[in-house]
């Protein structure tokens, strides 16, 4: 069944409205017609089984048949602070992490970032594209929300930004604390987890030390050095598995 995200205000009683590019896609690409069933999601964890009533160029009206909580959203909210990588790697990271259940993704500028994103139009353009990728991945994986991709921030802002229950900074030089060990030693089930992944060149020792001063735990993903576009996905999968979110 085709799935569309709409704003909560576009649902009035048992009538829903699909507008803009989604209306065009439904009409001209999918060629759906009155009587066809679709699934709407309000982006806040509620799904609405609906049937198309009218198809216009700019707006599709549907009748809502029933609503239910989305069954795919994990209970734990994981935030990824990702050191900005080169080329299109960020797009892959966003797509796959959304599929795996990330709650939000915050690009960060670290000391070893080769890719530089200037504030203003450059940053805005990149962020809009990244958000579209997150939305498409959310549709494909039947998410109940569209994870937010924020505008890039500095590393210093990142370490002070998060108030998560557990804050993990992944560092290739860490050789005593593994992710598995840290998760197994938790005496509670966290509702929120934050993780920092460095760019291609990794993180500076001074960055890790600063993060630790703000309550972040330096951890290792194992003896193998993973690419930046692999590390976040691997860490997220391990966290979701340990917290029983992949069952």
C-alpha atoms as a PDB file:
ATOM      1  CA  UNK A   1       0.000   0.000   0.000  1.00  0.00           C
ATOM      2  CA  UNK A   2       1.398   3.403  -0.979  1.00  0.00           C
ATOM      3  CA  UNK A   3       2.338   5.649   1.944  1.00  0.00           C
ATOM      4  CA  UNK A   4       2.272   9.447   2.227  1.00  0.00           C
ATOM      5  CA  UNK A   5       3.290  11.832   5.001  1.00  0.00           C
ATOM      6  CA  UNK A   6       1.001  14.812   5.561  1.00  0.00           C
ATOM      7  CA  UNK A   7       0.896  17.603   8.110  1.00  0.00           C
ATOM      8  CA  UNK A   8      -1.423  17.034  11.110  1.00  0.00           C
ATOM      9  CA  UNK A   9      -3.413  20.132  10.136  1.00  0.00           C
ATOM     10  CA  UNK A  10      -4.234  18.519   6.781  1.00  0.00           C
ATOM     11  CA  UNK A  11      -6.496  16.061   8.596  1.00  0.00           C
ATOM     12  CA  UNK A  12      -9.936  17.354   9.536  1.00  0.00           C
ATOM     13  CA  UNK A  13     -12.304  14.810  10.986  1.00  0.00           C
ATOM     14  CA  UNK A  14     -12.337  11.872   8.591  1.00  0.00           C
ATOM     15  CA  UNK A  15     -10.990  13.859   5.620  1.00  0.00           C
ATOM     16  CA  UNK A  16      -7.320  14.119   4.687  1.00  0.00           C
ATOM     17  CA  UNK A  17      -5.632  16.318   2.096  1.00  0.00           C
ATOM     18  CA  UNK A  18      -2.517  15.438   0.109  1.00  0.00           C
ATOM     19  CA  UNK A  19      -0.894  18.484  -1.471  1.00  0.00           C
ATOM     20  CA  UNK A  20       2.099  19.630  -3.478  1.00  0.00           C
ATOM     21  CA  UNK A  21       4.641  17.205  -4.916  1.00  0.00           C
ATOM     22  CA  UNK A  22       2.983  14.197  -3.259  1.00  0.00           C
ATOM     23  CA  UNK A  23      -0.315  15.024  -4.965  1.00  0.00           C
ATOM     24  CA  UNK A  24       1.491  15.235  -8.310  1.00  0.00           C
ATOM     25  CA  UNK A  25       3.324  11.943  -7.644  1.00  0.00           C
ATOM     26  CA  UNK A  26       0.097  10.171  -6.673  1.00  0.00           C
ATOM     27  CA  UNK A  27      -1.739  11.482  -9.732  1.00  0.00           C
ATOM     28  CA  UNK A  28       0.835  11.542 -12.535  1.00  0.00           C
ATOM     29  CA  UNK A  29       3.370   8.897 -11.516  1.00  0.00           C
ATOM     30  CA  UNK A  30       1.473   6.306  -9.489  1.00  0.00           C
ATOM     31  CA  UNK A  31      -1.756   7.035 -11.386  1.00  0.00           C
ATOM     32  CA  UNK A  32      -3.954   6.203  -8.424  1.00  0.00           C
ATOM     33  CA  UNK A  33      -7.691   6.753  -8.738  1.00  0.00           C
ATOM     34  CA  UNK A  34     -10.744   7.328  -6.547  1.00  0.00           C
ATOM     35  CA  UNK A  35     -11.475   4.131  -4.643  1.00  0.00           C
ATOM     36  CA  UNK A  36      -7.798   3.150  -4.246  1.00  0.00           C
ATOM     37  CA  UNK A  37      -6.596   2.628  -0.668  1.00  0.00           C
ATOM     38  CA  UNK A  38      -3.482   4.379   0.637  1.00  0.00           C
ATOM     39  CA  UNK A  39      -1.831   4.898   4.023  1.00  0.00           C
ATOM     40  CA  UNK A  40      -1.334   8.383   5.464  1.00  0.00           C
ATOM     41  CA  UNK A  41       1.001   9.239   8.323  1.00  0.00           C
ATOM     42  CA  UNK A  42       0.925  12.481  10.301  1.00  0.00           C
ATOM     43  CA  UNK A  43       4.655  12.339  11.064  1.00  0.00           C
ATOM     44  CA  UNK A  44       3.923  11.966  14.779  1.00  0.00           C
ATOM     45  CA  UNK A  45       3.544   8.226  14.951  1.00  0.00           C
ATOM     46  CA  UNK A  46      -0.054   7.797  13.760  1.00  0.00           C
ATOM     47  CA  UNK A  47      -1.062   5.941  10.593  1.00  0.00           C
ATOM     48  CA  UNK A  48      -4.388   6.451   8.800  1.00  0.00           C
ATOM     49  CA  UNK A  49      -5.795   3.840   6.419  1.00  0.00           C
ATOM     50  CA  UNK A  50      -7.576   5.889   3.773  1.00  0.00           C
ATOM     51  CA  UNK A  51      -9.426   5.665   0.470  1.00  0.00           C
ATOM     52  CA  UNK A  52      -9.051   8.245  -2.299  1.00  0.00           C
ATOM     53  CA  UNK A  53     -12.179  10.327  -2.919  1.00  0.00           C
ATOM     54  CA  UNK A  54     -11.154  12.954  -5.478  1.00  0.00           C
ATOM     55  CA  UNK A  55      -8.012  13.517  -7.555  1.00  0.00           C
ATOM     56  CA  UNK A  56      -7.180  17.074  -8.591  1.00  0.00           C
ATOM     57  CA  UNK A  57      -3.990  18.590  -9.987  1.00  0.00           C
ATOM     58  CA  UNK A  58      -2.955  20.322  -6.748  1.00  0.00           C
ATOM     59  CA  UNK A  59      -4.848  18.351  -4.085  1.00  0.00           C
ATOM     60  CA  UNK A  60      -6.037  14.830  -3.356  1.00  0.00           C
ATOM     61  CA  UNK A  61      -8.936  14.326  -0.942  1.00  0.00           C
ATOM     62  CA  UNK A  62      -9.173  11.047   0.946  1.00  0.00           C
ATOM     63  CA  UNK A  63     -11.610   9.538   3.424  1.00  0.00           C
ATOM     64  CA  UNK A  64      -9.957   8.175   6.560  1.00  0.00           C
ATOM     65  CA  UNK A  65     -11.216   4.692   7.384  1.00  0.00           C
ATOM     66  CA  UNK A  66      -9.331   4.110  10.629  1.00  0.00           C
ATOM     67  CA  UNK A  67      -6.213   5.165  12.535  1.00  0.00           C
ATOM     68  CA  UNK A  68      -3.615   3.265  14.520  1.00  0.00           C
ATOM     69  CA  UNK A  69      -0.239   3.883  16.183  1.00  0.00           C
ATOM     70  CA  UNK A  70       2.644   3.252  13.829  1.00  0.00           C
ATOM     71  CA  UNK A  71       4.203  -0.121  14.617  1.00  0.00           C
ATOM     72  CA  UNK A  72       7.700   0.538  13.245  1.00  0.00           C
ATOM     73  CA  UNK A  73       8.982   3.299  15.537  1.00  0.00           C
ATOM     74  CA  UNK A  74      11.597   2.199  18.101  1.00  0.00           C
ATOM     75  CA  UNK A  75      11.056   3.078  21.750  1.00  0.00           C
ATOM     76  CA  UNK A  76      14.590   4.443  22.084  1.00  0.00           C
ATOM     77  CA  UNK A  77      15.434   7.720  20.346  1.00  0.00           C
ATOM     78  CA  UNK A  78      18.943   7.640  18.902  1.00  0.00           C
ATOM     79  CA  UNK A  79      20.605  10.824  17.666  1.00  0.00           C
ATOM     80  CA  UNK A  80      23.627  10.697  15.361  1.00  0.00           C
ATOM     81  CA  UNK A  81      26.126  13.559  15.379  1.00  0.00           C
ATOM     82  CA  UNK A  82      27.975  12.840  12.135  1.00  0.00           C
ATOM     83  CA  UNK A  83      31.281  14.447  11.172  1.00  0.00           C
ATOM     84  CA  UNK A  84      30.652  15.829   7.683  1.00  0.00           C
ATOM     85  CA  UNK A  85      32.193  13.457   5.107  1.00  0.00           C
ATOM     86  CA  UNK A  86      33.316  14.116   1.558  1.00  0.00           C
ATOM     87  CA  UNK A  87      31.195  13.872  -1.615  1.00  0.00           C
ATOM     88  CA  UNK A  88      27.791  12.188  -1.288  1.00  0.00           C
ATOM     89  CA  UNK A  89      28.572   9.949   1.684  1.00  0.00           C
ATOM     90  CA  UNK A  90      26.253  11.928   3.958  1.00  0.00           C
ATOM     91  CA  UNK A  91      23.320  11.022   1.705  1.00  0.00           C
ATOM     92  CA  UNK A  92      24.048   7.313   2.146  1.00  0.00           C
ATOM     93  CA  UNK A  93      24.443   7.728   5.912  1.00  0.00           C
ATOM     94  CA  UNK A  94      21.104   9.533   6.195  1.00  0.00           C
ATOM     95  CA  UNK A  95      19.247   7.048   4.021  1.00  0.00           C
ATOM     96  CA  UNK A  96      20.465   3.929   5.808  1.00  0.00           C
ATOM     97  CA  UNK A  97      20.271   5.335   9.328  1.00  0.00           C
ATOM     98  CA  UNK A  98      16.675   6.412   8.755  1.00  0.00           C
ATOM     99  CA  UNK A  99      15.880   2.885   7.587  1.00  0.00           C
ATOM    100  CA  UNK A 100      17.517   1.509  10.737  1.00  0.00           C
ATOM    101  CA  UNK A 101      15.503   3.747  13.062  1.00  0.00           C
ATOM    102  CA  UNK A 102      17.508   6.912  13.769  1.00  0.00           C
ATOM    103  CA  UNK A 103      15.520   9.671  15.486  1.00  0.00           C
ATOM    104  CA  UNK A 104      17.546  12.662  14.313  1.00  0.00           C
ATOM    105  CA  UNK A 105      20.803  13.355  12.510  1.00  0.00           C
ATOM    106  CA  UNK A 106      23.007  16.378  13.181  1.00  0.00           C
ATOM    107  CA  UNK A 107      25.932  17.059  10.794  1.00  0.00           C
ATOM    108  CA  UNK A 108      28.945  18.418  12.668  1.00  0.00           C
ATOM    109  CA  UNK A 109      32.085  20.252  11.575  1.00  0.00           C
ATOM    110  CA  UNK A 110      35.119  18.694  13.247  1.00  0.00           C
ATOM    111  CA  UNK A 111      38.812  19.565  13.100  1.00  0.00           C
ATOM    112  CA  UNK A 112      39.576  16.884  10.501  1.00  0.00           C
ATOM    113  CA  UNK A 113      36.586  17.485   8.230  1.00  0.00           C
ATOM    114  CA  UNK A 114      37.792  17.899   4.655  1.00  0.00           C
ATOM    115  CA  UNK A 115      34.346  18.907   3.417  1.00  0.00           C
ATOM    116  CA  UNK A 116      33.430  22.434   4.455  1.00  0.00           C
ATOM    117  CA  UNK A 117      29.896  23.779   4.378  1.00  0.00           C
ATOM    118  CA  UNK A 118      29.580  27.537   4.513  1.00  0.00           C
ATOM    119  CA  UNK A 119      26.777  29.119   6.494  1.00  0.00           C
ATOM    120  CA  UNK A 120      23.919  30.657   4.534  1.00  0.00           C
ATOM    121  CA  UNK A 121      22.653  29.406   1.179  1.00  0.00           C
ATOM    122  CA  UNK A 122      25.172  26.566   0.919  1.00  0.00           C
ATOM    123  CA  UNK A 123      24.163  25.155   4.298  1.00  0.00           C
ATOM    124  CA  UNK A 124      20.457  25.682   3.627  1.00  0.00           C
ATOM    125  CA  UNK A 125      20.622  23.978   0.235  1.00  0.00           C
ATOM    126  CA  UNK A 126      22.466  20.961   1.628  1.00  0.00           C
ATOM    127  CA  UNK A 127      20.126  20.620   4.599  1.00  0.00           C
ATOM    128  CA  UNK A 128      17.008  20.741   2.412  1.00  0.00           C
ATOM    129  CA  UNK A 129      18.400  18.000   0.180  1.00  0.00           C
ATOM    130  CA  UNK A 130      19.360  15.862   3.173  1.00  0.00           C
ATOM    131  CA  UNK A 131      15.880  16.308   4.654  1.00  0.00           C
ATOM    132  CA  UNK A 132      14.279  15.147   1.396  1.00  0.00           C
ATOM    133  CA  UNK A 133      16.450  12.028   1.479  1.00  0.00           C
ATOM    134  CA  UNK A 134      15.339  11.377   5.062  1.00  0.00           C
ATOM    135  CA  UNK A 135      11.695  11.735   4.028  1.00  0.00           C
ATOM    136  CA  UNK A 136      12.024   9.302   1.133  1.00  0.00           C
ATOM    137  CA  UNK A 137      13.796   6.767   3.360  1.00  0.00           C
ATOM    138  CA  UNK A 138      11.080   7.184   6.004  1.00  0.00           C
ATOM    139  CA  UNK A 139       8.399   6.443   3.412  1.00  0.00           C
ATOM    140  CA  UNK A 140      10.237   3.410   2.082  1.00  0.00           C
ATOM    141  CA  UNK A 141      10.830   1.914   5.540  1.00  0.00           C
ATOM    142  CA  UNK A 142       7.301   2.720   6.786  1.00  0.00           C
ATOM    143  CA  UNK A 143       8.479   4.971   9.578  1.00  0.00           C
ATOM    144  CA  UNK A 144       5.980   6.800  11.763  1.00  0.00           C
ATOM    145  CA  UNK A 145       8.056  10.002  11.758  1.00  0.00           C
ATOM    146  CA  UNK A 146      10.387  11.773   9.380  1.00  0.00           C
ATOM    147  CA  UNK A 147      13.697  12.023  11.258  1.00  0.00           C
ATOM    148  CA  UNK A 148      14.990  15.585  11.361  1.00  0.00           C
ATOM    149  CA  UNK A 149      18.283  16.458   9.690  1.00  0.00           C
ATOM    150  CA  UNK A 150      19.525  19.685  11.238  1.00  0.00           C
ATOM    151  CA  UNK A 151      21.769  22.363   9.783  1.00  0.00           C
ATOM    152  CA  UNK A 152      25.482  21.697  10.411  1.00  0.00           C
ATOM    153  CA  UNK A 153      26.865  22.766  13.781  1.00  0.00           C
ATOM    154  CA  UNK A 154      30.360  22.885  15.273  1.00  0.00           C
ATOM    155  CA  UNK A 155      31.852  20.073  17.332  1.00  0.00           C
ATOM    156  CA  UNK A 156      31.832  22.284  20.435  1.00  0.00           C
ATOM    157  CA  UNK A 157      28.118  22.945  19.964  1.00  0.00           C
ATOM    158  CA  UNK A 158      27.496  19.224  19.466  1.00  0.00           C
ATOM    159  CA  UNK A 159      29.051  18.058  22.728  1.00  0.00           C
ATOM    160  CA  UNK A 160      26.975  20.597  24.693  1.00  0.00           C
ATOM    161  CA  UNK A 161      23.763  20.154  22.655  1.00  0.00           C
ATOM    162  CA  UNK A 162      22.711  16.664  23.672  1.00  0.00           C
ATOM    163  CA  UNK A 163      20.918  15.861  26.917  1.00  0.00           C
ATOM    164  CA  UNK A 164      20.571  12.155  26.069  1.00  0.00           C
ATOM    165  CA  UNK A 165      20.495   9.475  28.776  1.00  0.00           C
ATOM    166  CA  UNK A 166      23.589   7.881  27.220  1.00  0.00           C
ATOM    167  CA  UNK A 167      26.159   9.806  25.156  1.00  0.00           C
ATOM    168  CA  UNK A 168      28.754   7.846  23.171  1.00  0.00           C
ATOM    169  CA  UNK A 169      31.698   9.178  21.168  1.00  0.00           C
ATOM    170  CA  UNK A 170      33.299   6.585  18.899  1.00  0.00           C
ATOM    171  CA  UNK A 171      37.085   6.861  18.692  1.00  0.00           C
ATOM    172  CA  UNK A 172      39.476   4.502  16.936  1.00  0.00           C
ATOM    173  CA  UNK A 173      42.143   5.060  19.636  1.00  0.00           C
ATOM    174  CA  UNK A 174      39.887   3.800  22.439  1.00  0.00           C
ATOM    175  CA  UNK A 175      41.118   0.355  23.508  1.00  0.00           C
ATOM    176  CA  UNK A 176      39.482  -0.363  26.862  1.00  0.00           C
ATOM    177  CA  UNK A 177      35.776   0.438  26.493  1.00  0.00           C
ATOM    178  CA  UNK A 178      33.850  -1.390  23.789  1.00  0.00           C
ATOM    179  CA  UNK A 179      30.300  -0.532  22.798  1.00  0.00           C
ATOM    180  CA  UNK A 180      29.157  -3.961  23.947  1.00  0.00           C
ATOM    181  CA  UNK A 181      30.763  -3.518  27.366  1.00  0.00           C
ATOM    182  CA  UNK A 182      29.222  -0.087  27.910  1.00  0.00           C
ATOM    183  CA  UNK A 183      25.742  -1.259  26.899  1.00  0.00           C
ATOM    184  CA  UNK A 184      25.927  -4.394  29.048  1.00  0.00           C
ATOM    185  CA  UNK A 185      26.966  -2.349  32.089  1.00  0.00           C
ATOM    186  CA  UNK A 186      23.918  -0.087  31.876  1.00  0.00           C
ATOM    187  CA  UNK A 187      21.600  -0.680  34.822  1.00  0.00           C
ATOM    188  CA  UNK A 188      18.620   0.892  33.052  1.00  0.00           C
ATOM    189  CA  UNK A 189      17.054   0.950  29.593  1.00  0.00           C
ATOM    190  CA  UNK A 190      17.735   4.383  28.102  1.00  0.00           C
ATOM    191  CA  UNK A 191      15.009   6.322  26.340  1.00  0.00           C
ATOM    192  CA  UNK A 192      17.535   8.483  24.476  1.00  0.00           C
ATOM    193  CA  UNK A 193      21.015   7.746  23.128  1.00  0.00           C
ATOM    194  CA  UNK A 194      23.385  10.115  21.329  1.00  0.00           C
ATOM    195  CA  UNK A 195      26.478   9.140  19.381  1.00  0.00           C
ATOM    196  CA  UNK A 196      29.292  11.052  17.699  1.00  0.00           C
ATOM    197  CA  UNK A 197      31.027   9.651  14.617  1.00  0.00           C
ATOM    198  CA  UNK A 198      34.050  11.428  13.185  1.00  0.00           C
ATOM    199  CA  UNK A 199      34.700  12.168   9.484  1.00  0.00           C
ATOM    200  CA  UNK A 200      37.150  10.263   7.251  1.00  0.00           C
ATOM    201  CA  UNK A 201      40.186  11.366   9.264  1.00  0.00           C
ATOM    202  CA  UNK A 202      38.639  10.499  12.619  1.00  0.00           C
ATOM    203  CA  UNK A 203      38.590  12.701  15.697  1.00  0.00           C
ATOM    204  CA  UNK A 204      41.359  14.630  17.404  1.00  0.00           C
ATOM    205  CA  UNK A 205      42.295  13.597  20.944  1.00  0.00           C
ATOM    206  CA  UNK A 206      41.434  17.104  22.131  1.00  0.00           C
ATOM    207  CA  UNK A 207      37.890  16.694  20.766  1.00  0.00           C
ATOM    208  CA  UNK A 208      37.408  13.417  22.598  1.00  0.00           C
ATOM    209  CA  UNK A 209      38.734  14.950  25.823  1.00  0.00           C
ATOM    210  CA  UNK A 210      36.338  17.889  25.471  1.00  0.00           C
ATOM    211  CA  UNK A 211      33.418  15.531  24.918  1.00  0.00           C
ATOM    212  CA  UNK A 212      34.344  13.488  27.985  1.00  0.00           C
ATOM    213  CA  UNK A 213      34.287  16.647  30.097  1.00  0.00           C
ATOM    214  CA  UNK A 214      30.640  17.069  29.023  1.00  0.00           C
ATOM    215  CA  UNK A 215      29.594  13.525  29.952  1.00  0.00           C
ATOM    216  CA  UNK A 216      30.287  11.650  26.718  1.00  0.00           C
ATOM    217  CA  UNK A 217      31.774   8.149  26.957  1.00  0.00           C
ATOM    218  CA  UNK A 218      34.621   7.257  24.591  1.00  0.00           C
ATOM    219  CA  UNK A 219      33.939   3.827  23.074  1.00  0.00           C
ATOM    220  CA  UNK A 220      35.317   1.475  20.448  1.00  0.00           C
ATOM    221  CA  UNK A 221      33.516  -0.396  17.679  1.00  0.00           C
ATOM    222  CA  UNK A 222      36.172  -3.104  17.652  1.00  0.00           C
ATOM    223  CA  UNK A 223      39.645  -3.714  16.277  1.00  0.00           C
ATOM    224  CA  UNK A 224      38.736  -3.053  12.650  1.00  0.00           C
ATOM    225  CA  UNK A 225      38.756   0.538  11.422  1.00  0.00           C
ATOM    226  CA  UNK A 226      35.420   1.306   9.775  1.00  0.00           C
ATOM    227  CA  UNK A 227      34.751   3.962   7.179  1.00  0.00           C
ATOM    228  CA  UNK A 228      32.788   6.944   8.445  1.00  0.00           C
ATOM    229  CA  UNK A 229      29.804   5.961   6.307  1.00  0.00           C
ATOM    230  CA  UNK A 230      29.847   2.471   7.870  1.00  0.00           C
ATOM    231  CA  UNK A 231      30.508   3.336  11.514  1.00  0.00           C
ATOM    232  CA  UNK A 232      27.213   5.087  12.264  1.00  0.00           C
ATOM    233  CA  UNK A 233      25.147   2.321  10.703  1.00  0.00           C
ATOM    234  CA  UNK A 234      27.102  -0.363  12.579  1.00  0.00           C
ATOM    235  CA  UNK A 235      26.798   1.449  15.912  1.00  0.00           C
ATOM    236  CA  UNK A 236      23.094   2.146  15.415  1.00  0.00           C
ATOM    237  CA  UNK A 237      22.378  -1.478  14.539  1.00  0.00           C
ATOM    238  CA  UNK A 238      24.274  -2.720  17.596  1.00  0.00           C
ATOM    239  CA  UNK A 239      22.411  -0.316  19.884  1.00  0.00           C
ATOM    240  CA  UNK A 240      19.037  -1.264  18.428  1.00  0.00           C
ATOM    241  CA  UNK A 241      19.821  -4.953  18.757  1.00  0.00           C
ATOM    242  CA  UNK A 242      21.001  -4.659  22.346  1.00  0.00           C
ATOM    243  CA  UNK A 243      17.927  -2.658  23.333  1.00  0.00           C
ATOM    244  CA  UNK A 244      15.660  -5.238  21.644  1.00  0.00           C
ATOM    245  CA  UNK A 245      14.456  -2.878  18.920  1.00  0.00           C
ATOM    246  CA  UNK A 246      15.097  -5.304  16.042  1.00  0.00           C
ATOM    247  CA  UNK A 247      12.713  -8.039  17.173  1.00  0.00           C
END
